[in-house]
């Protein structure tokens, strides 16, 4: 649910790794999803 939104925000450099880690802690995305987002190139 949140994965696509966070992925798009990551690509546009609107999020950083610290923010994504917080979302994992809150249960909005999984650690695997966070790792996939971080491995995606940013523009």
Protein backbone atom coordinates (compact mmCIF):
# COMPACT_ATOMS: atom_id res chain seq x y z
CA UNK A 1 0.00 0.00 0.00
CA UNK A 2 2.64 2.51 1.03
CA UNK A 3 5.40 0.84 -1.00
CA UNK A 4 4.56 2.52 -4.31
CA UNK A 5 4.23 5.95 -2.71
CA UNK A 6 7.53 5.67 -0.85
CA UNK A 7 9.24 4.30 -3.97
CA UNK A 8 8.12 7.28 -6.04
CA UNK A 9 9.15 9.72 -3.31
CA UNK A 10 12.56 8.00 -3.09
CA UNK A 11 13.11 8.26 -6.84
CA UNK A 12 12.37 12.01 -6.65
CA UNK A 13 14.77 12.34 -3.66
CA UNK A 14 12.00 13.42 -1.28
CA UNK A 15 12.86 10.69 1.29
CA UNK A 16 16.06 9.44 2.88
CA UNK A 17 17.07 6.12 4.42
CA UNK A 18 16.36 7.37 7.95
CA UNK A 19 12.77 8.20 7.04
CA UNK A 20 12.27 4.79 5.43
CA UNK A 21 13.68 3.04 8.49
CA UNK A 22 11.09 4.89 10.58
CA UNK A 23 8.35 3.61 8.30
CA UNK A 24 9.61 0.06 8.82
CA UNK A 25 9.42 0.63 12.58
CA UNK A 26 5.84 1.86 12.22
CA UNK A 27 4.95 -1.23 10.17
CA UNK A 28 4.04 0.64 7.00
CA UNK A 29 6.63 -1.19 4.89
CA UNK A 30 8.78 -4.27 5.46
CA UNK A 31 12.56 -4.33 5.70
CA UNK A 32 12.64 -6.13 2.34
CA UNK A 33 10.55 -3.36 0.76
CA UNK A 34 12.85 -0.72 2.28
CA UNK A 35 15.89 -2.49 0.83
CA UNK A 36 14.25 -2.65 -2.61
CA UNK A 37 13.44 1.08 -2.46
CA UNK A 38 16.98 1.99 -1.45
CA UNK A 39 18.43 -0.10 -4.28
CA UNK A 40 16.37 1.89 -6.81
CA UNK A 41 18.31 4.69 -8.54
CA UNK A 42 17.25 8.26 -7.80
CA UNK A 43 16.93 11.03 -10.40
